[in-house]
């Protein structure tokens, strides 16, 4: 069993995840996710860039998996809601947003799965992991946009969209309304004329 060693942890340990217990639990609870060795060959590697929630790549299963769990120590349940993350990823499946398949969400308060806290599993999808710098830059850009929109006479995004669409709608009506009214009037005249004949 290999993992990520850290200070205070036994060599080969993966803080926040008992890989051996997890392998036995996975084999019993979700045998479809386990390779032919019954879960004994699982390894876990902590992935960097997960901000505060801990993210591990699980290898040695039937396919590479990812386990997400709250950070170690005392956490606010509302701040690190694994069920919420799992629900959002599940809801995005089949949409235009590329997300990994969400597999199972578990409240492991009893430690039976070797995690000791709520966690979820999803398929591993290769790709870049956003750095803290990138996340901070995106967050800053959205905050600036929100500040600009809201401080500009407290207008909402809907107000801005209406303001942008108003000239386009006027132009479309100028181009199309006379012909539309003419066709409607002609059709009504024909209908009334047929009714009198």
C-alpha atoms as a PDB file:
ATOM      1  CA  UNK A   1       0.000   0.000   0.000  1.00  0.00           C
ATOM      2  CA  UNK A   2       1.435   3.367  -0.936  1.00  0.00           C
ATOM      3  CA  UNK A   3       0.172   6.827  -0.250  1.00  0.00           C
ATOM      4  CA  UNK A   4       1.281  10.282   0.625  1.00  0.00           C
ATOM      5  CA  UNK A   5       3.310  10.464   3.816  1.00  0.00           C
ATOM      6  CA  UNK A   6       3.151  13.605   5.882  1.00  0.00           C
ATOM      7  CA  UNK A   7       4.596  14.711   9.176  1.00  0.00           C
ATOM      8  CA  UNK A   8       2.970  12.920  12.076  1.00  0.00           C
ATOM      9  CA  UNK A   9       1.700  10.085   9.897  1.00  0.00           C
ATOM     10  CA  UNK A  10       3.138   6.608   9.755  1.00  0.00           C
ATOM     11  CA  UNK A  11       5.216   5.908   6.603  1.00  0.00           C
ATOM     12  CA  UNK A  12       2.968   4.931   3.706  1.00  0.00           C
ATOM     13  CA  UNK A  13      -0.080   6.434   5.416  1.00  0.00           C
ATOM     14  CA  UNK A  14      -2.575   8.608   3.606  1.00  0.00           C
ATOM     15  CA  UNK A  15      -3.904  11.150   6.136  1.00  0.00           C
ATOM     16  CA  UNK A  16      -7.686  11.249   6.108  1.00  0.00           C
ATOM     17  CA  UNK A  17      -8.053   7.845   4.461  1.00  0.00           C
ATOM     18  CA  UNK A  18      -7.263   4.376   5.739  1.00  0.00           C
ATOM     19  CA  UNK A  19      -6.645   2.755   2.362  1.00  0.00           C
ATOM     20  CA  UNK A  20      -6.730  -0.860   3.623  1.00  0.00           C
ATOM     21  CA  UNK A  21     -10.086  -0.370   5.415  1.00  0.00           C
ATOM     22  CA  UNK A  22     -11.416   1.570   2.438  1.00  0.00           C
ATOM     23  CA  UNK A  23     -10.429  -1.251   0.063  1.00  0.00           C
ATOM     24  CA  UNK A  24     -12.279  -3.849   2.158  1.00  0.00           C
ATOM     25  CA  UNK A  25     -15.338  -1.584   2.431  1.00  0.00           C
ATOM     26  CA  UNK A  26     -15.362  -0.878  -1.317  1.00  0.00           C
ATOM     27  CA  UNK A  27     -15.084  -4.596  -2.118  1.00  0.00           C
ATOM     28  CA  UNK A  28     -18.066  -5.360   0.134  1.00  0.00           C
ATOM     29  CA  UNK A  29     -20.262  -2.339  -0.615  1.00  0.00           C
ATOM     30  CA  UNK A  30     -19.464  -1.771  -4.311  1.00  0.00           C
ATOM     31  CA  UNK A  31     -17.819  -4.878  -5.797  1.00  0.00           C
ATOM     32  CA  UNK A  32     -18.449  -3.530  -9.314  1.00  0.00           C
ATOM     33  CA  UNK A  33     -15.790  -0.883  -8.637  1.00  0.00           C
ATOM     34  CA  UNK A  34     -13.137  -3.362  -7.509  1.00  0.00           C
ATOM     35  CA  UNK A  35     -10.497  -5.127  -9.593  1.00  0.00           C
ATOM     36  CA  UNK A  36     -10.065  -8.887  -9.367  1.00  0.00           C
ATOM     37  CA  UNK A  37      -7.758  -8.653  -6.292  1.00  0.00           C
ATOM     38  CA  UNK A  38     -10.737  -7.819  -4.055  1.00  0.00           C
ATOM     39  CA  UNK A  39      -9.499  -4.355  -3.101  1.00  0.00           C
ATOM     40  CA  UNK A  40      -6.165  -5.405  -1.603  1.00  0.00           C
ATOM     41  CA  UNK A  41      -4.141  -3.570  -4.251  1.00  0.00           C
ATOM     42  CA  UNK A  42      -5.669  -0.122  -3.813  1.00  0.00           C
ATOM     43  CA  UNK A  43      -3.408   2.898  -3.499  1.00  0.00           C
ATOM     44  CA  UNK A  44      -4.355   6.479  -2.773  1.00  0.00           C
ATOM     45  CA  UNK A  45      -2.526   9.640  -3.737  1.00  0.00           C
ATOM     46  CA  UNK A  46      -3.629  13.039  -2.502  1.00  0.00           C
ATOM     47  CA  UNK A  47      -4.144  15.421  -5.398  1.00  0.00           C
ATOM     48  CA  UNK A  48      -3.018  19.000  -4.981  1.00  0.00           C
ATOM     49  CA  UNK A  49      -5.237  21.933  -5.852  1.00  0.00           C
ATOM     50  CA  UNK A  50      -8.423  20.791  -4.125  1.00  0.00           C
ATOM     51  CA  UNK A  51      -8.430  23.950  -1.979  1.00  0.00           C
ATOM     52  CA  UNK A  52      -9.828  23.010   1.434  1.00  0.00           C
ATOM     53  CA  UNK A  53     -11.555  19.693   0.675  1.00  0.00           C
ATOM     54  CA  UNK A  54      -9.189  16.746   0.359  1.00  0.00           C
ATOM     55  CA  UNK A  55      -9.071  14.959  -2.981  1.00  0.00           C
ATOM     56  CA  UNK A  56      -7.455  11.541  -3.521  1.00  0.00           C
ATOM     57  CA  UNK A  57      -6.848   9.534  -6.650  1.00  0.00           C
ATOM     58  CA  UNK A  58      -7.611   5.857  -5.974  1.00  0.00           C
ATOM     59  CA  UNK A  59      -5.728   3.394  -8.176  1.00  0.00           C
ATOM     60  CA  UNK A  60      -5.959  -0.392  -8.274  1.00  0.00           C
ATOM     61  CA  UNK A  61      -9.762  -0.463  -8.538  1.00  0.00           C
ATOM     62  CA  UNK A  62     -11.594  -1.575 -11.683  1.00  0.00           C
ATOM     63  CA  UNK A  63     -10.830   1.926 -12.996  1.00  0.00           C
ATOM     64  CA  UNK A  64      -9.177   5.021 -11.504  1.00  0.00           C
ATOM     65  CA  UNK A  65     -11.447   6.757  -8.993  1.00  0.00           C
ATOM     66  CA  UNK A  66     -11.434  10.033  -7.077  1.00  0.00           C
ATOM     67  CA  UNK A  67     -12.476  10.333  -3.435  1.00  0.00           C
ATOM     68  CA  UNK A  68     -13.444  13.755  -2.027  1.00  0.00           C
ATOM     69  CA  UNK A  69     -13.808  14.443   1.680  1.00  0.00           C
ATOM     70  CA  UNK A  70     -13.818  17.471   4.011  1.00  0.00           C
ATOM     71  CA  UNK A  71     -10.498  18.669   5.460  1.00  0.00           C
ATOM     72  CA  UNK A  72      -9.038  17.075   8.574  1.00  0.00           C
ATOM     73  CA  UNK A  73     -10.028  18.532  11.923  1.00  0.00           C
ATOM     74  CA  UNK A  74     -13.187  20.382  12.937  1.00  0.00           C
ATOM     75  CA  UNK A  75     -15.172  21.727   9.991  1.00  0.00           C
ATOM     76  CA  UNK A  76     -18.537  23.370   9.531  1.00  0.00           C
ATOM     77  CA  UNK A  77     -20.833  20.854   7.871  1.00  0.00           C
ATOM     78  CA  UNK A  78     -22.391  23.567   5.716  1.00  0.00           C
ATOM     79  CA  UNK A  79     -19.001  24.719   4.439  1.00  0.00           C
ATOM     80  CA  UNK A  80     -17.863  21.282   3.294  1.00  0.00           C
ATOM     81  CA  UNK A  81     -21.095  19.603   2.236  1.00  0.00           C
ATOM     82  CA  UNK A  82     -20.123  16.471   0.320  1.00  0.00           C
ATOM     83  CA  UNK A  83     -23.767  15.661  -0.478  1.00  0.00           C
ATOM     84  CA  UNK A  84     -24.168  19.097  -2.098  1.00  0.00           C
ATOM     85  CA  UNK A  85     -21.058  18.607  -4.278  1.00  0.00           C
ATOM     86  CA  UNK A  86     -22.216  15.104  -5.218  1.00  0.00           C
ATOM     87  CA  UNK A  87     -25.725  16.359  -6.082  1.00  0.00           C
ATOM     88  CA  UNK A  88     -24.389  19.163  -8.279  1.00  0.00           C
ATOM     89  CA  UNK A  89     -22.005  16.872 -10.171  1.00  0.00           C
ATOM     90  CA  UNK A  90     -24.788  14.298 -10.609  1.00  0.00           C
ATOM     91  CA  UNK A  91     -27.187  16.968 -11.897  1.00  0.00           C
ATOM     92  CA  UNK A  92     -24.643  18.203 -14.454  1.00  0.00           C
ATOM     93  CA  UNK A  93     -24.194  14.710 -15.936  1.00  0.00           C
ATOM     94  CA  UNK A  94     -25.392  14.672 -19.533  1.00  0.00           C
ATOM     95  CA  UNK A  95     -25.326  18.477 -19.794  1.00  0.00           C
ATOM     96  CA  UNK A  96     -22.970  20.664 -21.788  1.00  0.00           C
ATOM     97  CA  UNK A  97     -20.736  20.885 -18.687  1.00  0.00           C
ATOM     98  CA  UNK A  98     -18.115  18.134 -18.640  1.00  0.00           C
ATOM     99  CA  UNK A  99     -18.132  16.411 -15.260  1.00  0.00           C
ATOM    100  CA  UNK A 100     -16.910  13.003 -14.090  1.00  0.00           C
ATOM    101  CA  UNK A 101     -19.494  10.350 -13.302  1.00  0.00           C
ATOM    102  CA  UNK A 102     -20.574  10.699  -9.665  1.00  0.00           C
ATOM    103  CA  UNK A 103     -20.664   7.168  -8.257  1.00  0.00           C
ATOM    104  CA  UNK A 104     -21.587   7.090  -4.578  1.00  0.00           C
ATOM    105  CA  UNK A 105     -21.950   9.491  -1.643  1.00  0.00           C
ATOM    106  CA  UNK A 106     -21.476   8.041   1.851  1.00  0.00           C
ATOM    107  CA  UNK A 107     -21.806   9.401   5.387  1.00  0.00           C
ATOM    108  CA  UNK A 108     -18.964   7.459   7.006  1.00  0.00           C
ATOM    109  CA  UNK A 109     -19.339   8.896  10.509  1.00  0.00           C
ATOM    110  CA  UNK A 110     -18.760   5.413  11.950  1.00  0.00           C
ATOM    111  CA  UNK A 111     -15.493   5.004  10.017  1.00  0.00           C
ATOM    112  CA  UNK A 112     -16.616   1.726   8.454  1.00  0.00           C
ATOM    113  CA  UNK A 113     -15.294   2.840   5.055  1.00  0.00           C
ATOM    114  CA  UNK A 114     -11.963   4.060   6.453  1.00  0.00           C
ATOM    115  CA  UNK A 115     -12.712   7.755   5.951  1.00  0.00           C
ATOM    116  CA  UNK A 116     -14.572   8.699   9.141  1.00  0.00           C
ATOM    117  CA  UNK A 117     -16.553  11.541   7.598  1.00  0.00           C
ATOM    118  CA  UNK A 118     -18.923  12.089   4.652  1.00  0.00           C
ATOM    119  CA  UNK A 119     -17.235  11.507   1.292  1.00  0.00           C
ATOM    120  CA  UNK A 120     -18.081  10.730  -2.283  1.00  0.00           C
ATOM    121  CA  UNK A 121     -16.511   8.809  -5.137  1.00  0.00           C
ATOM    122  CA  UNK A 122     -16.410   9.788  -8.770  1.00  0.00           C
ATOM    123  CA  UNK A 123     -14.609   8.606 -11.861  1.00  0.00           C
ATOM    124  CA  UNK A 124     -11.136  10.014 -12.434  1.00  0.00           C
ATOM    125  CA  UNK A 125     -10.906  12.275 -15.485  1.00  0.00           C
ATOM    126  CA  UNK A 126      -7.444  13.270 -16.661  1.00  0.00           C
ATOM    127  CA  UNK A 127      -6.899  16.972 -17.105  1.00  0.00           C
ATOM    128  CA  UNK A 128      -5.377  20.036 -15.526  1.00  0.00           C
ATOM    129  CA  UNK A 129      -6.116  20.874 -11.903  1.00  0.00           C
ATOM    130  CA  UNK A 130      -6.632  24.583 -11.426  1.00  0.00           C
ATOM    131  CA  UNK A 131      -3.992  26.183  -9.267  1.00  0.00           C
ATOM    132  CA  UNK A 132      -4.855  28.427  -6.348  1.00  0.00           C
ATOM    133  CA  UNK A 133      -3.570  31.358  -8.413  1.00  0.00           C
ATOM    134  CA  UNK A 134      -5.976  30.578 -11.258  1.00  0.00           C
ATOM    135  CA  UNK A 135      -8.905  30.068  -8.901  1.00  0.00           C
ATOM    136  CA  UNK A 136      -8.085  33.364  -7.164  1.00  0.00           C
ATOM    137  CA  UNK A 137      -7.882  35.203 -10.486  1.00  0.00           C
ATOM    138  CA  UNK A 138     -11.256  33.853 -11.636  1.00  0.00           C
ATOM    139  CA  UNK A 139     -12.819  34.626  -8.265  1.00  0.00           C
ATOM    140  CA  UNK A 140     -11.432  38.158  -8.381  1.00  0.00           C
ATOM    141  CA  UNK A 141     -12.782  38.701 -11.905  1.00  0.00           C
ATOM    142  CA  UNK A 142     -16.270  37.549 -10.889  1.00  0.00           C
ATOM    143  CA  UNK A 143     -16.178  39.706  -7.753  1.00  0.00           C
ATOM    144  CA  UNK A 144     -15.167  42.724  -9.846  1.00  0.00           C
ATOM    145  CA  UNK A 145     -17.981  42.018 -12.304  1.00  0.00           C
ATOM    146  CA  UNK A 146     -20.507  41.639  -9.475  1.00  0.00           C
ATOM    147  CA  UNK A 147     -19.295  44.864  -7.844  1.00  0.00           C
ATOM    148  CA  UNK A 148     -19.501  46.755 -11.141  1.00  0.00           C
ATOM    149  CA  UNK A 149     -22.990  45.477 -11.905  1.00  0.00           C
ATOM    150  CA  UNK A 150     -24.377  46.004  -8.423  1.00  0.00           C
ATOM    151  CA  UNK A 151     -22.737  49.357  -7.718  1.00  0.00           C
ATOM    152  CA  UNK A 152     -24.005  50.846 -10.984  1.00  0.00           C
ATOM    153  CA  UNK A 153     -27.325  52.051  -9.495  1.00  0.00           C
ATOM    154  CA  UNK A 154     -27.835  48.571  -8.022  1.00  0.00           C
ATOM    155  CA  UNK A 155     -28.945  47.256 -11.412  1.00  0.00           C
ATOM    156  CA  UNK A 156     -29.289  43.543 -11.792  1.00  0.00           C
ATOM    157  CA  UNK A 157     -27.921  41.464 -14.614  1.00  0.00           C
ATOM    158  CA  UNK A 158     -31.495  41.211 -15.912  1.00  0.00           C
ATOM    159  CA  UNK A 159     -31.685  45.029 -16.087  1.00  0.00           C
ATOM    160  CA  UNK A 160     -28.433  45.136 -18.055  1.00  0.00           C
ATOM    161  CA  UNK A 161     -29.649  42.472 -20.492  1.00  0.00           C
ATOM    162  CA  UNK A 162     -32.943  44.337 -21.034  1.00  0.00           C
ATOM    163  CA  UNK A 163     -31.005  47.549 -21.659  1.00  0.00           C
ATOM    164  CA  UNK A 164     -28.794  45.792 -24.214  1.00  0.00           C
ATOM    165  CA  UNK A 165     -31.717  44.077 -25.953  1.00  0.00           C
ATOM    166  CA  UNK A 166     -33.964  47.166 -26.200  1.00  0.00           C
ATOM    167  CA  UNK A 167     -32.192  48.667 -29.274  1.00  0.00           C
ATOM    168  CA  UNK A 168     -32.060  45.260 -30.990  1.00  0.00           C
ATOM    169  CA  UNK A 169     -35.792  44.700 -30.372  1.00  0.00           C
ATOM    170  CA  UNK A 170     -36.611  48.202 -31.676  1.00  0.00           C
ATOM    171  CA  UNK A 171     -34.593  47.556 -34.817  1.00  0.00           C
ATOM    172  CA  UNK A 172     -36.302  44.197 -35.375  1.00  0.00           C
ATOM    173  CA  UNK A 173     -39.756  45.739 -34.857  1.00  0.00           C
ATOM    174  CA  UNK A 174     -38.919  48.628 -37.244  1.00  0.00           C
ATOM    175  CA  UNK A 175     -37.905  46.100 -39.912  1.00  0.00           C
ATOM    176  CA  UNK A 176     -40.618  43.499 -39.378  1.00  0.00           C
ATOM    177  CA  UNK A 177     -43.697  45.055 -37.718  1.00  0.00           C
ATOM    178  CA  UNK A 178     -45.155  46.827 -40.812  1.00  0.00           C
ATOM    179  CA  UNK A 179     -45.088  43.620 -42.864  1.00  0.00           C
ATOM    180  CA  UNK A 180     -46.401  41.562 -39.943  1.00  0.00           C
ATOM    181  CA  UNK A 181     -49.321  43.971 -39.359  1.00  0.00           C
ATOM    182  CA  UNK A 182     -50.065  44.052 -43.118  1.00  0.00           C
ATOM    183  CA  UNK A 183     -50.227  40.233 -43.286  1.00  0.00           C
ATOM    184  CA  UNK A 184     -52.437  40.025 -40.186  1.00  0.00           C
ATOM    185  CA  UNK A 185     -54.831  42.719 -41.479  1.00  0.00           C
ATOM    186  CA  UNK A 186     -55.002  41.062 -44.920  1.00  0.00           C
ATOM    187  CA  UNK A 187     -55.727  37.657 -43.330  1.00  0.00           C
ATOM    188  CA  UNK A 188     -58.449  39.172 -41.110  1.00  0.00           C
ATOM    189  CA  UNK A 189     -60.055  40.966 -44.070  1.00  0.00           C
ATOM    190  CA  UNK A 190     -60.088  37.704 -46.048  1.00  0.00           C
ATOM    191  CA  UNK A 191     -61.598  35.830 -43.080  1.00  0.00           C
ATOM    192  CA  UNK A 192     -64.350  38.453 -42.601  1.00  0.00           C
ATOM    193  CA  UNK A 193     -65.014  38.547 -46.368  1.00  0.00           C
ATOM    194  CA  UNK A 194     -65.432  34.758 -46.520  1.00  0.00           C
ATOM    195  CA  UNK A 195     -67.817  34.899 -43.570  1.00  0.00           C
ATOM    196  CA  UNK A 196     -70.175  37.350 -45.381  1.00  0.00           C
ATOM    197  CA  UNK A 197     -70.239  35.520 -48.682  1.00  0.00           C
END
